[in-house]
Amino acid sequence: MTTLDLTKIARWPASNDEAESGSAYVRLARPLTRSQIVDAATRLIARRGDHRIPWPSIAVEAGGEPFGVAPDWLDDLPALIDQCYARTAQALSDSLLRGETAPGNALDKIAAFLVAALEARRELGTLLSFRRGRNLPDALQRRLHERDMMVRTRLKRLLEQGVREGSLARRNPDSACELILASLMVPDVAVTDPEQLIWDSELVELLLAALAEPHPTESR
């Protein structure tokens, strides 16, 4: 799919109702910020599983009205999609830094990373998977692959700091990475639900228990 195709998709109405409202576009009383638009588009990509994100849907998701005027910079849909994934990459990078600089052993550092990543997920509403961009232009796919490798390399480096006691985190960092990222990159998060903090806390405990689960010690 080319960049031109994606730009056309951005202008497709998601439904007949949106098409009718599009004929009566008026300027929003309170224009949405770029950050609000990018966060809303990120949540839509995560929930829908594709990158067809027409402006009316983004506006409603961001708390605006479906008949507002889209900003000029939204004409470049690939750039918007890139910003969505860049925001996830930055959140994970910051969380990894929290883990890398945390005191304690390997599990303490992983715990610090998980807590920071879940805080970021609640703030953004979701964390995107870098492995869902097969229908994007080649340049975007390459950037997603680079971000995916950055996150996995740093996360495995954290996991491999553990002692050789046979835990999953030490013995099989690839599987541990999959376990952690799959738990973090869910399609939707109940951001405004007070129980989300409890669920996130329990998720950290479950992941740490799984990572520390002893396995047969590797023979030298």
C-alpha atoms as a PDB file:
ATOM      1  CA  MET A   1       0.000   0.000   0.000  1.00  0.00           C
ATOM      2  CA  THR A   2       1.478   3.346  -0.999  1.00  0.00           C
ATOM      3  CA  THR A   3       1.617   6.601   0.887  1.00  0.00           C
ATOM      4  CA  LEU A   4      -0.996   8.015  -1.486  1.00  0.00           C
ATOM      5  CA  ASP A   5      -3.353   5.141  -0.713  1.00  0.00           C
ATOM      6  CA  LEU A   6      -2.992   5.755   3.012  1.00  0.00           C
ATOM      7  CA  THR A   7      -3.724   9.442   2.571  1.00  0.00           C
ATOM      8  CA  LYS A   8      -6.918   8.577   0.727  1.00  0.00           C
ATOM      9  CA  ILE A   9      -7.910   6.156   3.470  1.00  0.00           C
ATOM     10  CA  ALA A  10      -7.579   8.927   6.046  1.00  0.00           C
ATOM     11  CA  ARG A  11     -10.325  10.843   4.255  1.00  0.00           C
ATOM     12  CA  TRP A  12     -12.761   7.960   3.967  1.00  0.00           C
ATOM     13  CA  PRO A  13     -15.745   8.371   6.299  1.00  0.00           C
ATOM     14  CA  ALA A  14     -16.096   5.503   8.761  1.00  0.00           C
ATOM     15  CA  SER A  15     -19.891   5.419   8.271  1.00  0.00           C
ATOM     16  CA  ASN A  16     -22.764   7.109   6.448  1.00  0.00           C
ATOM     17  CA  ASP A  17     -23.403   9.230   9.528  1.00  0.00           C
ATOM     18  CA  GLU A  18     -19.851  10.539   9.398  1.00  0.00           C
ATOM     19  CA  ALA A  19     -20.220  11.250   5.697  1.00  0.00           C
ATOM     20  CA  GLU A  20     -23.334  13.326   6.375  1.00  0.00           C
ATOM     21  CA  SER A  21     -21.663  15.190   9.209  1.00  0.00           C
ATOM     22  CA  GLY A  22     -18.666  15.845   6.954  1.00  0.00           C
ATOM     23  CA  SER A  23     -20.836  18.025   4.710  1.00  0.00           C
ATOM     24  CA  ALA A  24     -21.449  20.371   7.634  1.00  0.00           C
ATOM     25  CA  TYR A  25     -17.890  20.812   8.938  1.00  0.00           C
ATOM     26  CA  VAL A  26     -17.504  23.695  11.376  1.00  0.00           C
ATOM     27  CA  ARG A  27     -14.520  24.723  13.428  1.00  0.00           C
ATOM     28  CA  LEU A  28     -14.325  23.251  16.928  1.00  0.00           C
ATOM     29  CA  ALA A  29     -14.972  25.665  19.764  1.00  0.00           C
ATOM     30  CA  ARG A  30     -11.885  24.300  21.500  1.00  0.00           C
ATOM     31  CA  PRO A  31      -9.381  22.945  18.948  1.00  0.00           C
ATOM     32  CA  LEU A  32      -7.765  19.652  19.832  1.00  0.00           C
ATOM     33  CA  THR A  33      -4.045  19.680  20.507  1.00  0.00           C
ATOM     34  CA  ARG A  34      -1.590  17.594  18.502  1.00  0.00           C
ATOM     35  CA  SER A  35      -0.953  15.448  21.575  1.00  0.00           C
ATOM     36  CA  GLN A  36      -4.675  14.729  22.007  1.00  0.00           C
ATOM     37  CA  ILE A  37      -5.000  13.809  18.332  1.00  0.00           C
ATOM     38  CA  VAL A  38      -1.973  11.504  18.348  1.00  0.00           C
ATOM     39  CA  ASP A  39      -3.132   9.765  21.548  1.00  0.00           C
ATOM     40  CA  ALA A  40      -6.642   9.302  20.130  1.00  0.00           C
ATOM     41  CA  ALA A  41      -5.293   7.913  16.846  1.00  0.00           C
ATOM     42  CA  THR A  42      -3.054   5.539  18.820  1.00  0.00           C
ATOM     43  CA  ARG A  43      -6.021   4.134  20.745  1.00  0.00           C
ATOM     44  CA  LEU A  44      -8.009   3.676  17.523  1.00  0.00           C
ATOM     45  CA  ILE A  45      -5.143   1.817  15.839  1.00  0.00           C
ATOM     46  CA  ALA A  46      -4.840  -0.490  18.859  1.00  0.00           C
ATOM     47  CA  ARG A  47      -8.572  -1.234  19.080  1.00  0.00           C
ATOM     48  CA  ARG A  48      -9.289  -1.621  15.364  1.00  0.00           C
ATOM     49  CA  GLY A  49      -6.139  -3.505  14.500  1.00  0.00           C
ATOM     50  CA  ASP A  50      -5.587  -1.467  11.325  1.00  0.00           C
ATOM     51  CA  HIS A  51      -4.502   2.011  10.323  1.00  0.00           C
ATOM     52  CA  ARG A  52      -7.727   3.337   8.766  1.00  0.00           C
ATOM     53  CA  ILE A  53      -8.392   6.245  11.064  1.00  0.00           C
ATOM     54  CA  PRO A  54     -10.688   8.897   9.501  1.00  0.00           C
ATOM     55  CA  TRP A  55     -10.721  12.318  11.099  1.00  0.00           C
ATOM     56  CA  PRO A  56     -14.292  12.158  12.529  1.00  0.00           C
ATOM     57  CA  SER A  57     -13.394   9.023  14.488  1.00  0.00           C
ATOM     58  CA  ILE A  58     -10.194  10.618  15.790  1.00  0.00           C
ATOM     59  CA  ALA A  59     -12.062  13.788  16.822  1.00  0.00           C
ATOM     60  CA  VAL A  60     -14.713  11.847  18.760  1.00  0.00           C
ATOM     61  CA  GLU A  61     -12.093   9.624  20.413  1.00  0.00           C
ATOM     62  CA  ALA A  62     -10.172  12.727  21.499  1.00  0.00           C
ATOM     63  CA  GLY A  63     -13.282  14.207  23.097  1.00  0.00           C
ATOM     64  CA  GLY A  64     -14.173  16.606  20.302  1.00  0.00           C
ATOM     65  CA  GLU A  65     -16.984  16.698  17.753  1.00  0.00           C
ATOM     66  CA  PRO A  66     -17.075  14.659  14.512  1.00  0.00           C
ATOM     67  CA  PHE A  67     -17.843  17.725  12.396  1.00  0.00           C
ATOM     68  CA  GLY A  68     -14.778  19.805  13.282  1.00  0.00           C
ATOM     69  CA  VAL A  69     -12.181  20.861  10.736  1.00  0.00           C
ATOM     70  CA  ALA A  70      -9.170  18.551  10.594  1.00  0.00           C
ATOM     71  CA  PRO A  71      -5.750  20.214  11.036  1.00  0.00           C
ATOM     72  CA  ASP A  72      -3.747  20.622   7.834  1.00  0.00           C
ATOM     73  CA  TRP A  73      -0.946  18.363   9.076  1.00  0.00           C
ATOM     74  CA  LEU A  74      -3.362  15.401   9.190  1.00  0.00           C
ATOM     75  CA  ASP A  75      -3.237  15.274   5.389  1.00  0.00           C
ATOM     76  CA  ASP A  76      -0.031  13.258   5.837  1.00  0.00           C
ATOM     77  CA  LEU A  77      -1.451  10.075   7.381  1.00  0.00           C
ATOM     78  CA  PRO A  78       1.848   8.120   7.373  1.00  0.00           C
ATOM     79  CA  ALA A  79       3.399  10.927   9.440  1.00  0.00           C
ATOM     80  CA  LEU A  80       0.542  10.689  11.961  1.00  0.00           C
ATOM     81  CA  ILE A  81       0.918   6.904  12.199  1.00  0.00           C
ATOM     82  CA  ASP A  82       4.668   7.331  12.691  1.00  0.00           C
ATOM     83  CA  GLN A  83       4.006   9.735  15.580  1.00  0.00           C
ATOM     84  CA  CYS A  84       1.675   7.195  17.190  1.00  0.00           C
ATOM     85  CA  TYR A  85       4.344   4.492  17.184  1.00  0.00           C
ATOM     86  CA  ALA A  86       7.045   6.988  18.151  1.00  0.00           C
ATOM     87  CA  ARG A  87       5.059   7.847  21.280  1.00  0.00           C
ATOM     88  CA  THR A  88       4.954   4.173  22.281  1.00  0.00           C
ATOM     89  CA  ALA A  89       8.680   3.820  21.552  1.00  0.00           C
ATOM     90  CA  GLN A  90       9.486   6.843  23.714  1.00  0.00           C
ATOM     91  CA  ALA A  91       7.313   5.583  26.572  1.00  0.00           C
ATOM     92  CA  LEU A  92       9.025   2.180  26.521  1.00  0.00           C
ATOM     93  CA  SER A  93      12.470   3.755  26.228  1.00  0.00           C
ATOM     94  CA  ASP A  94      11.819   5.959  29.261  1.00  0.00           C
ATOM     95  CA  SER A  95      10.486   2.953  31.178  1.00  0.00           C
ATOM     96  CA  LEU A  96      13.546   0.892  30.283  1.00  0.00           C
ATOM     97  CA  LEU A  97      15.766   3.691  31.559  1.00  0.00           C
ATOM     98  CA  ARG A  98      13.873   3.566  34.865  1.00  0.00           C
ATOM     99  CA  GLY A  99      14.596  -0.144  35.047  1.00  0.00           C
ATOM    100  CA  GLU A 100      18.241   0.137  33.999  1.00  0.00           C
ATOM    101  CA  THR A 101      18.984   2.754  36.684  1.00  0.00           C
ATOM    102  CA  ALA A 102      16.940   1.151  39.477  1.00  0.00           C
ATOM    103  CA  PRO A 103      18.838  -0.310  42.444  1.00  0.00           C
ATOM    104  CA  GLY A 104      18.713  -3.988  43.331  1.00  0.00           C
ATOM    105  CA  ASN A 105      18.941  -7.264  41.439  1.00  0.00           C
ATOM    106  CA  ALA A 106      17.626  -8.152  37.986  1.00  0.00           C
ATOM    107  CA  LEU A 107      14.051  -8.750  39.171  1.00  0.00           C
ATOM    108  CA  ASP A 108      14.063  -5.405  41.012  1.00  0.00           C
ATOM    109  CA  LYS A 109      15.055  -3.714  37.771  1.00  0.00           C
ATOM    110  CA  ILE A 110      12.382  -5.570  35.795  1.00  0.00           C
ATOM    111  CA  ALA A 111       9.821  -4.559  38.408  1.00  0.00           C
ATOM    112  CA  ALA A 112      10.841  -0.902  38.055  1.00  0.00           C
ATOM    113  CA  PHE A 113      10.504  -1.173  34.275  1.00  0.00           C
ATOM    114  CA  LEU A 114       7.068  -2.816  34.500  1.00  0.00           C
ATOM    115  CA  VAL A 115       5.720  -0.215  36.929  1.00  0.00           C
ATOM    116  CA  ALA A 116       6.969   2.627  34.707  1.00  0.00           C
ATOM    117  CA  ALA A 117       5.603   1.004  31.521  1.00  0.00           C
ATOM    118  CA  LEU A 118       2.170   0.466  33.076  1.00  0.00           C
ATOM    119  CA  GLU A 119       2.115   4.089  34.261  1.00  0.00           C
ATOM    120  CA  ALA A 120       2.871   5.169  30.692  1.00  0.00           C
ATOM    121  CA  ARG A 121       0.173   2.856  29.347  1.00  0.00           C
ATOM    122  CA  ARG A 122      -2.431   4.386  31.657  1.00  0.00           C
ATOM    123  CA  GLU A 123      -1.324   7.875  30.607  1.00  0.00           C
ATOM    124  CA  LEU A 124      -1.413   7.169  26.862  1.00  0.00           C
ATOM    125  CA  GLY A 125      -4.355   4.776  26.930  1.00  0.00           C
ATOM    126  CA  THR A 126      -2.476   1.989  25.155  1.00  0.00           C
ATOM    127  CA  LEU A 127       0.940   0.840  23.956  1.00  0.00           C
ATOM    128  CA  LEU A 128       1.107  -0.199  20.304  1.00  0.00           C
ATOM    129  CA  SER A 129       2.726  -3.395  19.065  1.00  0.00           C
ATOM    130  CA  PHE A 130       5.522  -2.719  16.587  1.00  0.00           C
ATOM    131  CA  ARG A 131       4.657  -5.935  14.723  1.00  0.00           C
ATOM    132  CA  ARG A 132       1.320  -4.810  13.296  1.00  0.00           C
ATOM    133  CA  GLY A 133       2.589  -2.639  10.451  1.00  0.00           C
ATOM    134  CA  ARG A 134       2.581  -5.072   7.526  1.00  0.00           C
ATOM    135  CA  ASN A 135       0.218  -2.880   5.498  1.00  0.00           C
ATOM    136  CA  LEU A 136       2.303   0.263   5.979  1.00  0.00           C
ATOM    137  CA  PRO A 137       4.810   1.771   3.516  1.00  0.00           C
ATOM    138  CA  ASP A 138       8.270   0.211   3.562  1.00  0.00           C
ATOM    139  CA  ALA A 139       9.898   3.206   5.255  1.00  0.00           C
ATOM    140  CA  LEU A 140       7.432   3.026   8.143  1.00  0.00           C
ATOM    141  CA  GLN A 141       7.850  -0.738   8.454  1.00  0.00           C
ATOM    142  CA  ARG A 142      11.616  -0.285   8.749  1.00  0.00           C
ATOM    143  CA  ARG A 143      11.189   2.282  11.532  1.00  0.00           C
ATOM    144  CA  LEU A 144       8.812  -0.033  13.387  1.00  0.00           C
ATOM    145  CA  HIS A 145      11.328  -2.870  13.101  1.00  0.00           C
ATOM    146  CA  GLU A 146      14.118  -0.639  14.435  1.00  0.00           C
ATOM    147  CA  ARG A 147      11.985   0.410  17.404  1.00  0.00           C
ATOM    148  CA  ASP A 148      10.998  -3.188  18.100  1.00  0.00           C
ATOM    149  CA  MET A 149      14.635  -4.302  18.091  1.00  0.00           C
ATOM    150  CA  MET A 150      15.637  -1.403  20.359  1.00  0.00           C
ATOM    151  CA  VAL A 151      13.033  -2.321  22.969  1.00  0.00           C
ATOM    152  CA  ARG A 152      13.744  -6.053  22.857  1.00  0.00           C
ATOM    153  CA  THR A 153      17.535  -5.624  22.980  1.00  0.00           C
ATOM    154  CA  ARG A 154      17.416  -3.393  26.051  1.00  0.00           C
ATOM    155  CA  LEU A 155      14.811  -5.554  27.754  1.00  0.00           C
ATOM    156  CA  LYS A 156      16.825  -8.734  27.186  1.00  0.00           C
ATOM    157  CA  ARG A 157      19.897  -6.959  28.549  1.00  0.00           C
ATOM    158  CA  LEU A 158      17.939  -6.321  31.758  1.00  0.00           C
ATOM    159  CA  LEU A 159      16.779  -9.935  31.958  1.00  0.00           C
ATOM    160  CA  GLU A 160      20.270 -11.299  31.422  1.00  0.00           C
ATOM    161  CA  GLN A 161      21.613  -9.452  34.461  1.00  0.00           C
ATOM    162  CA  GLY A 162      20.135 -12.150  36.678  1.00  0.00           C
ATOM    163  CA  VAL A 163      22.291 -14.809  38.282  1.00  0.00           C
ATOM    164  CA  ARG A 164      22.486 -18.219  36.655  1.00  0.00           C
ATOM    165  CA  GLU A 165      19.833 -19.757  38.879  1.00  0.00           C
ATOM    166  CA  GLY A 166      17.790 -21.223  36.054  1.00  0.00           C
ATOM    167  CA  SER A 167      14.876 -18.778  35.976  1.00  0.00           C
ATOM    168  CA  LEU A 168      12.952 -18.111  32.770  1.00  0.00           C
ATOM    169  CA  ALA A 169      14.267 -14.545  32.756  1.00  0.00           C
ATOM    170  CA  ARG A 170      17.867 -15.784  32.708  1.00  0.00           C
ATOM    171  CA  ARG A 171      17.516 -18.954  30.667  1.00  0.00           C
ATOM    172  CA  ASN A 172      15.210 -17.777  27.901  1.00  0.00           C
ATOM    173  CA  PRO A 173      15.135 -13.973  27.541  1.00  0.00           C
ATOM    174  CA  ASP A 174      13.363 -14.170  24.172  1.00  0.00           C
ATOM    175  CA  SER A 175      10.369 -15.925  25.718  1.00  0.00           C
ATOM    176  CA  ALA A 176      10.470 -13.544  28.661  1.00  0.00           C
ATOM    177  CA  CYS A 177      10.397 -10.559  26.275  1.00  0.00           C
ATOM    178  CA  GLU A 178       7.369 -11.987  24.495  1.00  0.00           C
ATOM    179  CA  LEU A 179       5.612 -12.553  27.812  1.00  0.00           C
ATOM    180  CA  ILE A 180       6.247  -8.999  28.993  1.00  0.00           C
ATOM    181  CA  LEU A 181       5.447  -7.178  25.740  1.00  0.00           C
ATOM    182  CA  ALA A 182       2.306  -9.229  25.089  1.00  0.00           C
ATOM    183  CA  SER A 183       1.092  -8.273  28.567  1.00  0.00           C
ATOM    184  CA  LEU A 184       1.817  -4.576  28.014  1.00  0.00           C
ATOM    185  CA  MET A 185       0.501  -4.180  24.450  1.00  0.00           C
ATOM    186  CA  VAL A 186      -3.172  -5.028  24.923  1.00  0.00           C
ATOM    187  CA  PRO A 187      -5.738  -3.359  22.604  1.00  0.00           C
ATOM    188  CA  ASP A 188      -7.595  -1.360  25.234  1.00  0.00           C
ATOM    189  CA  VAL A 189      -7.053  -0.195  28.799  1.00  0.00           C
ATOM    190  CA  ALA A 190      -9.648   1.020  31.290  1.00  0.00           C
ATOM    191  CA  VAL A 191      -7.731   4.238  31.890  1.00  0.00           C
ATOM    192  CA  THR A 192     -10.419   5.950  33.973  1.00  0.00           C
ATOM    193  CA  ASP A 193     -11.348   2.883  35.999  1.00  0.00           C
ATOM    194  CA  PRO A 194      -9.963   3.061  39.573  1.00  0.00           C
ATOM    195  CA  GLU A 195      -9.546  -0.719  39.505  1.00  0.00           C
ATOM    196  CA  GLN A 196      -6.942  -0.378  36.725  1.00  0.00           C
ATOM    197  CA  LEU A 197      -4.260   0.397  39.320  1.00  0.00           C
ATOM    198  CA  ILE A 198      -5.116  -2.818  41.139  1.00  0.00           C
ATOM    199  CA  TRP A 199      -5.070  -4.823  37.910  1.00  0.00           C
ATOM    200  CA  ASP A 200      -1.723  -3.339  36.920  1.00  0.00           C
ATOM    201  CA  SER A 201      -0.252  -4.108  40.333  1.00  0.00           C
ATOM    202  CA  GLU A 202      -1.433  -7.717  40.089  1.00  0.00           C
ATOM    203  CA  LEU A 203      -0.027  -7.975  36.573  1.00  0.00           C
ATOM    204  CA  VAL A 204       3.409  -6.922  37.837  1.00  0.00           C
ATOM    205  CA  GLU A 205       3.264  -9.577  40.568  1.00  0.00           C
ATOM    206  CA  LEU A 206       2.186 -12.286  38.135  1.00  0.00           C
ATOM    207  CA  LEU A 207       4.898 -11.409  35.606  1.00  0.00           C
ATOM    208  CA  LEU A 208       7.619 -11.321  38.252  1.00  0.00           C
ATOM    209  CA  ALA A 209       6.461 -14.678  39.604  1.00  0.00           C
ATOM    210  CA  ALA A 210       6.555 -16.151  36.090  1.00  0.00           C
ATOM    211  CA  LEU A 211      10.019 -14.725  35.406  1.00  0.00           C
ATOM    212  CA  ALA A 212      11.411 -16.052  38.692  1.00  0.00           C
ATOM    213  CA  GLU A 213       9.888 -19.518  38.269  1.00  0.00           C
ATOM    214  CA  PRO A 214      12.810 -21.967  38.588  1.00  0.00           C
ATOM    215  CA  HIS A 215      13.728 -24.213  35.688  1.00  0.00           C
ATOM    216  CA  PRO A 216      16.361 -26.946  35.434  1.00  0.00           C
ATOM    217  CA  THR A 217      19.750 -25.323  35.860  1.00  0.00           C
ATOM    218  CA  GLU A 218      21.780 -25.120  32.667  1.00  0.00           C
ATOM    219  CA  SER A 219      24.664 -27.546  32.654  1.00  0.00           C
ATOM    220  CA  ARG A 220      28.069 -25.978  32.192  1.00  0.00           C
END
